[in-house]
Structures are given as C-alpha cells and as structure tokens.
Protein backbone atom coordinates (compact mmCIF):
# COMPACT_ATOMS: atom_id res chain seq x y z
CA MET A 1 118.46 139.72 88.95
CA THR A 2 115.01 139.31 90.48
CA GLY A 3 112.23 141.85 90.91
CA GLU A 4 110.13 142.58 94.00
CA ASN A 5 107.64 139.79 93.30
CA GLY A 6 110.36 137.21 92.63
CA THR A 7 110.18 137.42 88.83
CA ILE A 8 113.44 137.24 86.95
CA LEU A 9 114.39 140.53 85.35
CA ARG A 10 116.53 140.49 82.24
CA LEU A 11 119.07 143.23 81.85
CA THR A 12 119.20 144.18 78.22
CA LYS A 13 121.71 146.30 76.45
CA MET A 14 119.98 149.31 74.95
CA LYS A 15 122.75 150.37 72.64
CA LYS A 16 123.35 148.10 69.68
CA ILE A 17 125.18 148.64 66.41
CA ILE A 18 124.37 146.50 63.38
CA LEU A 19 126.20 146.92 60.06
CA ILE A 20 124.64 145.66 56.83
CA THR A 21 127.04 145.61 53.91
CA GLY A 22 127.15 144.28 50.37
CA GLY A 23 127.29 145.27 46.73
CA THR A 24 124.99 147.43 44.66
CA ARG A 25 121.40 146.12 44.54
CA SER A 26 122.20 143.28 46.95
CA GLY A 27 119.14 144.05 49.10
CA LYS A 28 120.88 145.97 51.89
CA SER A 29 118.27 148.70 52.40
CA THR A 30 115.29 146.37 52.16
CA HIS A 31 116.83 144.01 54.70
CA ALA A 32 117.68 146.90 57.03
CA GLU A 33 114.09 148.16 56.85
CA LYS A 34 112.64 144.70 57.59
CA LEU A 35 115.04 144.25 60.48
CA ALA A 36 114.17 147.66 61.92
CA LEU A 37 110.43 146.90 61.72
CA SER A 38 111.01 143.59 63.51
CA LEU A 39 112.69 145.51 66.34
CA SER A 40 110.36 148.52 66.59
CA PRO A 41 106.83 149.45 65.55
CA ASN A 42 108.02 153.00 64.74
CA PRO A 43 111.64 153.03 63.54
CA VAL A 44 113.61 156.01 62.28
CA TYR A 45 114.98 156.20 58.75
CA LEU A 46 117.95 158.57 58.67
CA ALA A 47 118.79 159.32 55.03
CA THR A 48 122.25 160.73 54.33
CA ALA A 49 122.00 161.32 50.59
CA ARG A 50 122.59 164.54 48.75
CA ILE A 51 120.50 164.81 45.64
CA TRP A 52 123.12 165.05 42.88
CA ASP A 53 120.86 164.75 39.82
CA GLU A 54 117.34 163.89 38.68
CA GLU A 55 117.99 160.15 38.31
CA PHE A 56 119.19 160.01 41.92
CA ARG A 57 116.15 162.00 43.05
CA GLU A 58 113.97 159.26 41.50
CA ARG A 59 115.87 156.59 43.47
CA VAL A 60 115.26 158.50 46.69
CA ILE A 61 111.55 158.83 45.92
CA LYS A 62 111.29 155.05 45.33
CA HIS A 63 112.96 154.41 48.69
CA GLN A 64 110.57 156.83 50.41
CA GLN A 65 107.50 155.27 48.79
CA ARG A 66 108.57 151.81 49.96
CA ARG A 67 108.37 152.87 53.61
CA GLY A 68 105.04 153.26 55.38
CA ASN A 69 103.64 155.77 57.85
CA GLU A 70 105.17 153.94 60.81
CA TRP A 71 108.56 155.41 59.91
CA THR A 72 109.99 158.69 61.18
CA ASN A 73 112.02 160.05 58.26
CA ILE A 74 115.00 162.35 58.82
CA GLU A 75 117.26 163.71 56.11
CA GLU A 76 120.73 164.59 57.35
CA GLU A 77 123.79 164.79 55.11
CA LYS A 78 126.52 164.95 57.75
CA GLU A 79 125.73 165.78 61.37
CA LEU A 80 123.84 162.69 62.49
CA SER A 81 124.54 163.44 66.16
CA LYS A 82 122.39 166.56 66.17
CA HIS A 83 119.37 164.26 66.26
CA SER A 84 118.42 162.83 69.66
CA LEU A 85 117.20 159.30 69.02
CA LYS A 86 117.55 157.72 72.46
CA GLY A 87 115.60 154.50 72.77
CA ARG A 88 114.80 154.35 69.05
CA THR A 89 115.71 151.90 66.30
CA VAL A 90 117.49 153.86 63.57
CA VAL A 91 118.38 152.85 60.01
CA VAL A 92 121.22 155.00 58.66
CA ASP A 93 121.17 154.67 54.88
CA CYS A 94 123.84 154.90 53.92
CA VAL A 95 127.41 155.16 55.20
CA THR A 96 128.79 155.43 51.66
CA LEU A 97 126.70 158.49 50.82
CA TRP A 98 127.41 159.97 54.26
CA CYS A 99 131.15 159.59 53.58
CA THR A 100 130.74 161.03 50.10
CA ASN A 101 129.41 164.26 51.61
CA TYR A 102 132.43 164.62 53.89
CA PHE A 103 134.85 163.52 51.15
CA PHE A 104 133.70 166.14 48.65
CA ASP A 105 133.45 168.86 51.30
CA SER A 106 137.08 168.15 52.28
CA ASN A 107 138.26 168.30 48.63
CA ALA A 108 138.96 164.55 48.66
CA ASN A 109 141.23 164.66 51.71
CA VAL A 110 141.15 161.06 52.94
CA ASP A 111 142.66 161.71 56.37
CA GLU A 112 140.40 164.68 57.07
CA THR A 113 137.35 162.72 55.95
CA LEU A 114 138.18 159.65 58.04
CA THR A 115 138.82 161.73 61.14
CA ALA A 116 135.61 163.74 60.77
CA VAL A 117 133.40 160.74 60.03
CA LYS A 118 134.85 158.63 62.87
CA GLU A 119 134.35 161.50 65.32
CA GLU A 120 130.76 162.01 64.16
CA PHE A 121 130.11 158.25 64.31
CA GLU A 122 131.28 158.20 67.95
CA ARG A 123 129.14 161.22 68.87
CA PHE A 124 126.06 159.77 67.18
CA THR A 125 126.38 156.24 68.54
CA SER A 126 127.04 157.44 72.09
CA GLN A 127 123.27 157.60 72.63
CA GLU A 128 121.35 154.52 73.81
CA ALA A 129 119.65 153.30 70.64
CA THR A 130 119.71 150.47 68.14
CA PHE A 131 121.64 151.60 65.08
CA ILE A 132 121.41 149.77 61.75
CA PHE A 133 124.03 151.16 59.39
CA VAL A 134 123.85 150.32 55.68
CA THR A 135 127.11 150.49 53.73
CA ASN A 136 128.63 149.32 50.46
CA GLU A 137 131.53 147.02 49.73
CA ILE A 138 132.72 149.16 46.85
CA GLY A 139 136.22 147.68 46.82
CA MET A 140 135.08 144.15 45.96
CA CYS A 141 134.99 144.82 42.23
CA GLY A 142 138.66 145.57 41.60
CA ILE A 143 140.78 148.67 41.43
CA SER A 144 139.54 151.72 39.57
CA GLU A 145 141.64 153.51 36.97
CA ASN A 146 140.44 156.79 38.47
CA GLU A 147 142.64 158.19 41.27
CA LEU A 148 139.76 159.97 43.03
CA GLN A 149 137.71 156.75 43.04
CA ARG A 150 140.69 154.77 44.42
CA LYS A 151 141.09 157.28 47.26
CA PHE A 152 137.41 157.11 48.10
CA THR A 153 137.35 153.31 47.91
CA ASP A 154 140.30 153.08 50.30
CA MET A 155 138.71 155.55 52.70
CA GLN A 156 135.36 153.74 52.59
CA GLY A 157 137.04 150.39 53.23
CA TRP A 158 138.92 151.77 56.24
CA LEU A 159 135.72 153.29 57.64
CA ASN A 160 133.81 150.03 57.14
CA GLN A 161 136.56 148.23 59.10
CA TYR A 162 136.26 150.84 61.86
CA ILE A 163 132.49 150.40 62.13
CA VAL A 164 132.81 146.59 62.09
CA GLN A 165 135.06 146.83 65.16
CA LYS A 166 132.31 148.75 66.97
CA ALA A 167 129.42 146.63 65.66
CA ASP A 168 127.60 143.98 67.63
CA GLU A 169 126.40 142.31 64.42
CA VAL A 170 127.52 142.41 60.79
CA ILE A 171 125.43 141.10 57.90
CA LEU A 172 126.72 140.67 54.35
CA MET A 173 124.01 140.77 51.70
CA VAL A 174 124.61 138.48 48.71
CA SER A 175 121.97 138.62 45.96
CA GLY A 176 119.22 139.37 48.46
CA ILE A 177 120.36 136.77 50.99
CA PRO A 178 121.57 137.98 54.41
CA VAL A 179 124.71 136.19 55.61
CA LYS A 180 125.60 136.86 59.23
CA ILE A 181 129.37 137.32 59.51
CA LYS A 182 129.60 138.71 63.04
C-alpha cells in the first residue's frame, strides 16, 4: 500500500501474543521484561500473584525492584480484561499464578478453572495490544504423588497448549537461554 506522497506504507498487526515458558528460575521473567522494553519505552507489567506468605512477598518485592520507572505496574489476580491496555505492550507474569487463583477459588475443579481462564484469556486478548505471557512447564519434572498437584499440573498443561495455539511466538527458556519454538 502506498501513501499520498508515494511512500510505501507497511500494515502492521497490532495484536500479538507471545508465550514465554520454561522451568523454575530459567529466566522467563527477565527475558519477558527485556523483550517488552525492546518493543516499548513504557510497557505494562501485569502481576497475577496472590501473596501467600512472607517468603513469596519477598520474591515479589525483588521482581518489583528489578523494574524501573518506565513500567506501569498493575496487580490483578484474576480479571485481566478489566484493564484497558489497547496499544500497549503487556507482560503478564504469570499464567501459572493466575491459574492458581482460579483453581483454588473453584475448589480445585479442573473443568471450571479451564473454562473460566480460557474465557478470561479471550476477553483480555481481544484488545489490540502486544501480550507477553510468562508461564511454567511444571509437568516436565515427572508426576507428583499428590493428587491435587497432579490435577493442577494437568490443567496448567492444557491451558499452556491452548495459549500456544493462539500465540504468534513461543519461546522456551533453558538455563537463561531463549529458544524460539514457534
């Protein structure tokens, strides 16, 4: 397509979904933050964590301190779609904690959790924005002896597969190294 003065105009897709996945301490959040800053001078950090105990509170504080003033920070445990972020680059950290909130609120009902999270994902990602979702590959380490953990692991794996189908890009973090898999 050409503009009025004959220059070539590029049509760019505003909506983009990127999923960054990997194991614990693989560098997912740090990579997501660097990627967001490469795409926007003022990205949004949408934190989904509930503060369960003091040790976890300390983790959250370390994450917050790592980010600079250029970030818009939003804390939202479940209803991501209530935030209008059109045109923004948004890091959602993380899908696993977001799912945990739904899972415990539904008394560990896998079907109810999956339905609710998928519906909220669709509502949230319907806006024109660049979304960088951080998630965990919690099923890579074997099968838990705990029934509740097995149910959550299955649910998380199914949700990750759902998001991958919707994603434009997928990055697997391995010991701090990003490996593009889609």
